[in-house]
Amino acid sequence: MSGTLKLEVVEGPCQGATVCRRGGITVGRSRHADLLLRDDSKVSALHATLAPLRGQWFIEDHGSTNGTYVNGERVEQCPLRDGDTISIGRSELVVQWVDDEEGSCPPT
């Protein structure tokens, strides 16, 4: 599914942070990241990117020191499914597909 993706931090220093996008999402400690995990020292400046490709969302690790994990398995790149758990540093994020009309995403 390639619609709107909601990425929510459910555990870690930035718990409660949320981003919703139809296009790519960058995750990292850099102020340029879409999902900023600045208080997590185990997160790289530009740690990973989530992006749609041919109707499917993927996550790609950018050579981070501490790795990116999807459902407990370290990945370099992999497809994402609704409900997947992503672990980056000390943070745990949950992937959800959302209907833009439901108001499931915070205003930008």
C-alpha atoms as a PDB file:
ATOM      1  CA  MET A   1       0.000   0.000   0.000  1.00  0.00           C
ATOM      2  CA  SER A   2       1.437   3.374  -0.929  1.00  0.00           C
ATOM      3  CA  GLY A   3      -1.015   5.856   0.644  1.00  0.00           C
ATOM      4  CA  THR A   4      -0.336   8.059   3.644  1.00  0.00           C
ATOM      5  CA  LEU A   5       2.053   6.588   6.184  1.00  0.00           C
ATOM      6  CA  LYS A   6       1.887   7.556   9.845  1.00  0.00           C
ATOM      7  CA  LEU A   7       5.064   6.975  11.830  1.00  0.00           C
ATOM      8  CA  GLU A   8       4.731   7.357  15.600  1.00  0.00           C
ATOM      9  CA  VAL A   9       7.378   7.100  18.311  1.00  0.00           C
ATOM     10  CA  VAL A  10       5.797   4.825  20.934  1.00  0.00           C
ATOM     11  CA  GLU A  11       8.866   4.339  23.121  1.00  0.00           C
ATOM     12  CA  GLY A  12      12.065   6.286  23.727  1.00  0.00           C
ATOM     13  CA  PRO A  13      13.235   9.824  24.458  1.00  0.00           C
ATOM     14  CA  CYS A  14      10.910  11.371  21.835  1.00  0.00           C
ATOM     15  CA  GLN A  15       7.816   9.312  22.689  1.00  0.00           C
ATOM     16  CA  GLY A  16       4.681  10.797  21.145  1.00  0.00           C
ATOM     17  CA  ALA A  17       6.413  12.380  18.143  1.00  0.00           C
ATOM     18  CA  THR A  18       4.452  11.652  14.961  1.00  0.00           C
ATOM     19  CA  VAL A  19       4.847  12.353  11.261  1.00  0.00           C
ATOM     20  CA  CYS A  20       2.429  11.595   8.405  1.00  0.00           C
ATOM     21  CA  ARG A  21       3.434  11.702   4.766  1.00  0.00           C
ATOM     22  CA  ARG A  22       2.470  10.461   1.333  1.00  0.00           C
ATOM     23  CA  GLY A  23       6.086  10.897   0.226  1.00  0.00           C
ATOM     24  CA  GLY A  24       9.423  10.040   1.827  1.00  0.00           C
ATOM     25  CA  ILE A  25      10.200  10.399   5.538  1.00  0.00           C
ATOM     26  CA  THR A  26      13.725  10.854   6.886  1.00  0.00           C
ATOM     27  CA  VAL A  27      14.525   9.816  10.454  1.00  0.00           C
ATOM     28  CA  GLY A  28      17.554  10.990  12.418  1.00  0.00           C
ATOM     29  CA  ARG A  29      19.126  13.419  14.867  1.00  0.00           C
ATOM     30  CA  SER A  30      19.729  16.116  12.238  1.00  0.00           C
ATOM     31  CA  ARG A  31      17.415  19.111  12.358  1.00  0.00           C
ATOM     32  CA  HIS A  32      16.778  18.351   8.667  1.00  0.00           C
ATOM     33  CA  ALA A  33      15.099  15.008   9.484  1.00  0.00           C
ATOM     34  CA  ASP A  34      11.315  14.788   9.085  1.00  0.00           C
ATOM     35  CA  LEU A  35      11.124  12.742  12.289  1.00  0.00           C
ATOM     36  CA  LEU A  36      13.678  14.288  14.622  1.00  0.00           C
ATOM     37  CA  LEU A  37      15.051  11.961  17.319  1.00  0.00           C
ATOM     38  CA  ARG A  38      17.496  14.510  18.739  1.00  0.00           C
ATOM     39  CA  ASP A  39      17.523  13.191  22.308  1.00  0.00           C
ATOM     40  CA  ASP A  40      18.607   9.670  21.319  1.00  0.00           C
ATOM     41  CA  SER A  41      22.415   9.422  21.184  1.00  0.00           C
ATOM     42  CA  LYS A  42      22.252   6.023  19.436  1.00  0.00           C
ATOM     43  CA  VAL A  43      20.567   7.582  16.381  1.00  0.00           C
ATOM     44  CA  SER A  44      22.704   8.834  13.464  1.00  0.00           C
ATOM     45  CA  ALA A  45      22.221  12.317  11.995  1.00  0.00           C
ATOM     46  CA  LEU A  46      20.462  10.838   8.956  1.00  0.00           C
ATOM     47  CA  HIS A  47      19.691   7.328  10.151  1.00  0.00           C
ATOM     48  CA  ALA A  48      17.061   5.979   7.752  1.00  0.00           C
ATOM     49  CA  THR A  49      14.526   6.885   5.081  1.00  0.00           C
ATOM     50  CA  LEU A  50      11.036   5.514   4.529  1.00  0.00           C
ATOM     51  CA  ALA A  51       9.746   5.951   0.991  1.00  0.00           C
ATOM     52  CA  PRO A  52       7.094   4.586  -1.362  1.00  0.00           C
ATOM     53  CA  LEU A  53       8.271   2.694  -4.421  1.00  0.00           C
ATOM     54  CA  ARG A  54       5.966   1.043  -6.975  1.00  0.00           C
ATOM     55  CA  GLY A  55       2.993   0.872  -4.609  1.00  0.00           C
ATOM     56  CA  GLN A  56       4.929  -0.353  -1.548  1.00  0.00           C
ATOM     57  CA  TRP A  57       6.633   1.508   1.315  1.00  0.00           C
ATOM     58  CA  PHE A  58      10.258   0.615   2.115  1.00  0.00           C
ATOM     59  CA  ILE A  59      12.720   1.548   4.839  1.00  0.00           C
ATOM     60  CA  GLU A  60      16.418   1.979   4.082  1.00  0.00           C
ATOM     61  CA  ASP A  61      19.188   2.306   6.663  1.00  0.00           C
ATOM     62  CA  HIS A  62      21.888   4.831   5.690  1.00  0.00           C
ATOM     63  CA  GLY A  63      24.876   2.899   7.040  1.00  0.00           C
ATOM     64  CA  SER A  64      24.124   3.814  10.642  1.00  0.00           C
ATOM     65  CA  THR A  65      26.445   2.542  13.369  1.00  0.00           C
ATOM     66  CA  ASN A  66      23.692   1.078  15.540  1.00  0.00           C
ATOM     67  CA  GLY A  67      21.452  -0.237  12.773  1.00  0.00           C
ATOM     68  CA  THR A  68      17.762  -0.194  11.926  1.00  0.00           C
ATOM     69  CA  TYR A  69      15.511  -3.039  13.039  1.00  0.00           C
ATOM     70  CA  VAL A  70      12.089  -4.005  11.701  1.00  0.00           C
ATOM     71  CA  ASN A  71      10.140  -6.378  13.952  1.00  0.00           C
ATOM     72  CA  GLY A  72      13.383  -7.251  15.754  1.00  0.00           C
ATOM     73  CA  GLU A  73      15.497  -8.032  12.668  1.00  0.00           C
ATOM     74  CA  ARG A  74      18.346  -5.806  11.514  1.00  0.00           C
ATOM     75  CA  VAL A  75      17.730  -4.545   7.976  1.00  0.00           C
ATOM     76  CA  GLU A  76      19.523  -2.542   5.322  1.00  0.00           C
ATOM     77  CA  GLN A  77      16.361  -2.183   3.232  1.00  0.00           C
ATOM     78  CA  CYS A  78      13.006  -3.922   3.479  1.00  0.00           C
ATOM     79  CA  PRO A  79       9.308  -3.477   2.653  1.00  0.00           C
ATOM     80  CA  LEU A  80       6.998  -2.253   5.410  1.00  0.00           C
ATOM     81  CA  ARG A  81       3.565  -3.490   6.455  1.00  0.00           C
ATOM     82  CA  ASP A  82       0.869  -1.860   8.555  1.00  0.00           C
ATOM     83  CA  GLY A  83       1.677  -2.420  12.226  1.00  0.00           C
ATOM     84  CA  ASP A  84       5.410  -3.048  11.752  1.00  0.00           C
ATOM     85  CA  THR A  85       7.659  -1.936  14.601  1.00  0.00           C
ATOM     86  CA  ILE A  86      10.874  -0.097  13.754  1.00  0.00           C
ATOM     87  CA  SER A  87      13.675   0.177  16.315  1.00  0.00           C
ATOM     88  CA  ILE A  88      16.189   2.966  15.800  1.00  0.00           C
ATOM     89  CA  GLY A  89      18.566   3.638  18.674  1.00  0.00           C
ATOM     90  CA  ARG A  90      16.558   3.615  21.906  1.00  0.00           C
ATOM     91  CA  SER A  91      13.394   4.579  20.043  1.00  0.00           C
ATOM     92  CA  GLU A  92      10.575   2.329  18.910  1.00  0.00           C
ATOM     93  CA  LEU A  93       8.301   3.491  16.095  1.00  0.00           C
ATOM     94  CA  VAL A  94       5.078   2.023  14.744  1.00  0.00           C
ATOM     95  CA  VAL A  95       4.046   2.118  11.077  1.00  0.00           C
ATOM     96  CA  GLN A  96       0.374   2.721  10.238  1.00  0.00           C
ATOM     97  CA  TRP A  97      -1.480   3.381   6.988  1.00  0.00           C
ATOM     98  CA  VAL A  98      -4.038   6.112   7.515  1.00  0.00           C
ATOM     99  CA  ASP A  99      -7.007   7.560   5.694  1.00  0.00           C
ATOM    100  CA  ASP A 100      -6.394  11.269   5.105  1.00  0.00           C
ATOM    101  CA  GLU A 101     -10.086  11.953   5.721  1.00  0.00           C
ATOM    102  CA  GLU A 102     -10.132  10.414   9.217  1.00  0.00           C
ATOM    103  CA  GLY A 103      -7.995  13.106  10.811  1.00  0.00           C
ATOM    104  CA  SER A 104      -5.560  10.409  11.989  1.00  0.00           C
ATOM    105  CA  CYS A 105      -2.600  12.675  11.384  1.00  0.00           C
ATOM    106  CA  PRO A 106      -1.673  15.740  13.381  1.00  0.00           C
ATOM    107  CA  PRO A 107      -1.862  19.028  11.462  1.00  0.00           C
ATOM    108  CA  THR A 108       1.409  20.069   9.822  1.00  0.00           C
END
